[in-house]
Amino acid sequence: MPDPAAPVPAAPVPAAPVPAVPIDATAALIHELTVGNLTIAVAESLTGGLLAAELIRIPGASKVVNGALVSYNTELKRTLLGVDSSILNVHGPVHPDVAKQMAIGARTHLAVGGRRAEIGVSTTGVAGPLPQDGLEAGTVFIGLAKGTGSWAIPLHLTGDRDAVRTETVRRAVDAVRDLIARDDSE
């Protein structure tokens, strides 16, 4: 029988919750590309190099980022990336098929040692502040290409020009991570 005069052991103190550390999605993407032995190539329009700069911000990115093309002028989308002239003539540079063809072109034209990048990603859209070709500011398409597939992700973003461009970069990083995760689960 326990001694009633004996001190009662203190109840264990629960550990304080550890504050959540925000995940650096771009660092995670570079890690996922590295682990998967995948390379990426970028074609940008409205983001004007911001996506490439975000990727190469991470140490070790040189192992997985083949390079980037900024094709801000519509003609360069055709000549450098191989976007079909008929699509550009009919729809203009802000269209899902343009985004897909830009991503495919990035993979092809930014090949290293004859090896195409496994993943192509592109950005095209209207950053604003004014509409362009009948499309509202914030109309954006992210293009993805991998294997024989290509996809366009439509976005309708709000905010000023900088906000639209910044959010497009964030969403492009997330889209590539989703593409890698989807392929890993299949």
Protein backbone atom coordinates (compact mmCIF):
# COMPACT_ATOMS: atom_id res chain seq x y z
CA MET A 1 0.00 0.00 0.00
CA PRO A 2 1.44 3.40 -0.91
CA ASP A 3 2.56 5.65 1.88
CA PRO A 4 0.01 8.49 2.16
CA ALA A 5 2.74 10.81 3.33
CA ALA A 6 4.89 10.14 0.27
CA PRO A 7 5.00 12.94 -2.31
CA VAL A 8 2.73 12.45 -5.27
CA PRO A 9 4.68 12.26 -8.52
CA ALA A 10 3.98 15.19 -10.79
CA ALA A 11 1.92 14.49 -13.85
CA PRO A 12 3.92 14.64 -17.05
CA VAL A 13 3.80 18.06 -18.63
CA PRO A 14 2.59 17.84 -22.21
CA ALA A 15 5.09 19.09 -24.72
CA ALA A 16 4.36 22.49 -26.16
CA PRO A 17 3.10 22.23 -29.71
CA VAL A 18 5.82 22.80 -32.24
CA PRO A 19 4.90 25.72 -34.45
CA ALA A 20 4.47 24.71 -38.06
CA VAL A 21 7.41 25.67 -40.21
CA PRO A 22 6.25 26.95 -43.56
CA ILE A 23 7.31 24.64 -46.34
CA ASP A 24 9.45 26.18 -49.03
CA ALA A 25 7.58 24.69 -52.00
CA THR A 26 10.35 25.58 -54.42
CA ALA A 27 13.01 23.87 -52.29
CA ALA A 28 10.72 20.85 -52.07
CA LEU A 29 10.31 20.87 -55.86
CA ILE A 30 14.06 20.99 -56.49
CA HIS A 31 14.47 18.11 -54.02
CA GLU A 32 11.72 16.08 -55.75
CA LEU A 33 13.28 16.67 -59.16
CA THR A 34 16.71 15.66 -57.83
CA VAL A 35 15.45 12.49 -56.14
CA GLY A 36 13.46 11.57 -59.24
CA ASN A 37 16.43 12.25 -61.53
CA LEU A 38 14.21 14.65 -63.50
CA THR A 39 15.13 17.82 -65.33
CA ILE A 40 12.93 20.82 -65.99
CA ALA A 41 12.87 23.52 -68.66
CA VAL A 42 10.95 26.78 -68.44
CA ALA A 43 9.27 29.04 -71.02
CA GLU A 44 7.94 32.31 -69.68
CA SER A 45 5.93 35.20 -70.99
CA LEU A 46 4.02 37.22 -68.38
CA THR A 47 6.39 36.18 -65.56
CA GLY A 48 9.40 37.49 -67.50
CA GLY A 49 12.01 35.28 -65.82
CA LEU A 50 10.53 35.25 -62.31
CA LEU A 51 9.82 31.51 -62.43
CA ALA A 52 13.36 30.68 -63.53
CA ALA A 53 14.76 32.97 -60.85
CA GLU A 54 12.60 31.27 -58.23
CA LEU A 55 13.83 27.82 -59.25
CA ILE A 56 17.51 28.76 -59.32
CA ARG A 57 17.20 30.50 -55.94
CA ILE A 58 17.57 27.02 -54.43
CA PRO A 59 21.09 25.59 -54.00
CA GLY A 60 21.55 22.52 -56.18
CA ALA A 61 19.08 23.67 -58.82
CA SER A 62 21.80 23.46 -61.47
CA LYS A 63 21.48 19.67 -61.35
CA VAL A 64 17.84 19.74 -62.47
CA VAL A 65 17.08 23.06 -64.19
CA ASN A 66 18.13 22.92 -67.84
CA GLY A 67 17.32 26.57 -68.48
CA ALA A 68 14.63 29.04 -69.38
CA LEU A 69 13.45 31.15 -72.28
CA VAL A 70 11.60 34.41 -71.85
CA SER A 71 9.45 34.79 -74.94
CA TYR A 72 7.64 37.97 -74.03
CA ASN A 73 7.11 38.95 -77.66
CA THR A 74 4.52 36.81 -79.43
CA GLU A 75 6.77 36.21 -82.45
CA LEU A 76 9.36 34.56 -80.19
CA LYS A 77 6.79 32.04 -79.03
CA ARG A 78 6.65 30.85 -82.63
CA THR A 79 10.32 31.13 -83.60
CA LEU A 80 11.99 29.97 -80.37
CA LEU A 81 9.41 27.61 -78.91
CA GLY A 82 7.60 26.31 -81.97
CA VAL A 83 4.12 27.52 -81.05
CA ASP A 84 1.82 27.02 -84.05
CA SER A 85 1.31 30.28 -85.99
CA SER A 86 -2.33 29.48 -86.66
CA ILE A 87 -3.09 29.31 -82.92
CA LEU A 88 -1.29 32.59 -82.32
CA ASN A 89 -3.07 34.23 -85.28
CA VAL A 90 -6.54 33.07 -84.21
CA HIS A 91 -6.32 33.21 -80.41
CA GLY A 92 -3.32 35.38 -79.59
CA PRO A 93 -0.60 34.53 -77.08
CA VAL A 94 -2.89 33.97 -74.07
CA HIS A 95 -4.54 30.63 -74.75
CA PRO A 96 -4.33 27.12 -73.27
CA ASP A 97 -2.89 25.64 -76.47
CA VAL A 98 -0.18 28.30 -76.49
CA ALA A 99 0.73 27.42 -72.89
CA LYS A 100 0.93 23.71 -73.73
CA GLN A 101 3.04 24.29 -76.84
CA MET A 102 5.36 26.62 -74.94
CA ALA A 103 5.95 23.90 -72.33
CA ILE A 104 6.60 21.31 -75.05
CA GLY A 105 8.94 23.74 -76.83
CA ALA A 106 10.87 24.39 -73.62
CA ARG A 107 11.51 20.67 -73.19
CA THR A 108 12.65 20.34 -76.78
CA HIS A 109 14.68 23.51 -77.28
CA LEU A 110 16.35 23.44 -73.90
CA ALA A 111 17.72 19.92 -74.35
CA VAL A 112 21.14 19.29 -72.84
CA GLY A 113 23.47 16.80 -74.49
CA GLY A 114 20.66 15.77 -76.80
CA ARG A 115 18.43 14.90 -73.84
CA ARG A 116 15.15 16.78 -73.58
CA ALA A 117 14.08 17.94 -70.16
CA GLU A 118 11.63 15.51 -68.60
CA ILE A 119 9.30 18.35 -67.59
CA GLY A 120 8.41 21.58 -69.37
CA VAL A 121 6.53 24.38 -67.66
CA SER A 122 5.32 27.64 -69.16
CA THR A 123 3.47 30.81 -68.20
CA THR A 124 1.38 33.04 -70.42
CA GLY A 125 -1.30 35.52 -69.51
CA VAL A 126 -2.41 39.07 -68.91
CA ALA A 127 -0.70 40.65 -65.90
CA GLY A 128 -2.55 43.94 -66.32
CA PRO A 129 -3.42 46.49 -65.35
CA LEU A 130 -5.44 46.67 -68.58
CA PRO A 131 -7.16 43.91 -70.54
CA GLN A 132 -5.32 42.51 -73.58
CA ASP A 133 -6.93 41.07 -76.71
CA GLY A 134 -10.31 41.00 -74.96
CA LEU A 135 -8.97 39.10 -71.93
CA GLU A 136 -9.18 40.55 -68.44
CA ALA A 137 -6.10 41.17 -66.34
CA GLY A 138 -5.43 38.08 -64.25
CA THR A 139 -6.24 35.63 -67.07
CA VAL A 140 -3.33 33.19 -66.96
CA PHE A 141 -2.45 29.77 -68.32
CA ILE A 142 0.27 27.54 -66.92
CA GLY A 143 1.46 24.91 -69.38
CA LEU A 144 2.93 21.57 -68.40
CA ALA A 145 4.52 18.89 -70.55
CA LYS A 146 5.89 15.51 -69.57
CA GLY A 147 6.32 12.37 -71.62
CA THR A 148 3.77 12.46 -74.41
CA GLY A 149 1.28 14.55 -72.43
CA SER A 150 0.67 18.26 -72.15
CA TRP A 151 -1.77 20.20 -70.01
CA ALA A 152 -2.89 23.77 -69.47
CA ILE A 153 -4.08 25.08 -66.13
CA PRO A 154 -6.36 28.12 -66.39
CA LEU A 155 -6.14 30.72 -63.64
CA HIS A 156 -8.22 33.79 -62.91
CA LEU A 157 -6.09 35.83 -60.53
CA THR A 158 -6.75 39.12 -58.80
CA GLY A 159 -4.51 41.90 -57.65
CA ASP A 160 -2.12 44.30 -59.30
CA ARG A 161 0.45 43.36 -61.94
CA ASP A 162 3.06 42.24 -59.41
CA ALA A 163 0.53 40.15 -57.48
CA VAL A 164 -0.61 38.35 -60.65
CA ARG A 165 2.95 37.57 -61.69
CA THR A 166 3.99 36.44 -58.19
CA GLU A 167 0.94 34.22 -57.77
CA THR A 168 1.52 32.71 -61.22
CA VAL A 169 5.03 31.66 -60.15
CA ARG A 170 3.71 30.15 -56.92
CA ARG A 171 1.00 28.24 -58.78
CA ALA A 172 3.46 27.02 -61.42
CA VAL A 173 5.73 25.56 -58.73
CA ASP A 174 2.73 23.84 -57.14
CA ALA A 175 1.54 22.54 -60.53
CA VAL A 176 4.89 20.90 -61.26
CA ARG A 177 4.94 19.35 -57.79
CA ASP A 178 1.43 18.00 -58.38
CA LEU A 179 2.51 16.58 -61.75
CA ILE A 180 5.46 14.77 -60.16
CA ALA A 181 3.29 13.42 -57.31
CA ARG A 182 0.62 12.24 -59.75
CA ASP A 183 3.19 10.37 -61.83
CA ASP A 184 4.73 8.79 -58.73
CA SER A 185 1.37 7.43 -57.62
CA GLU A 186 0.53 5.85 -60.98
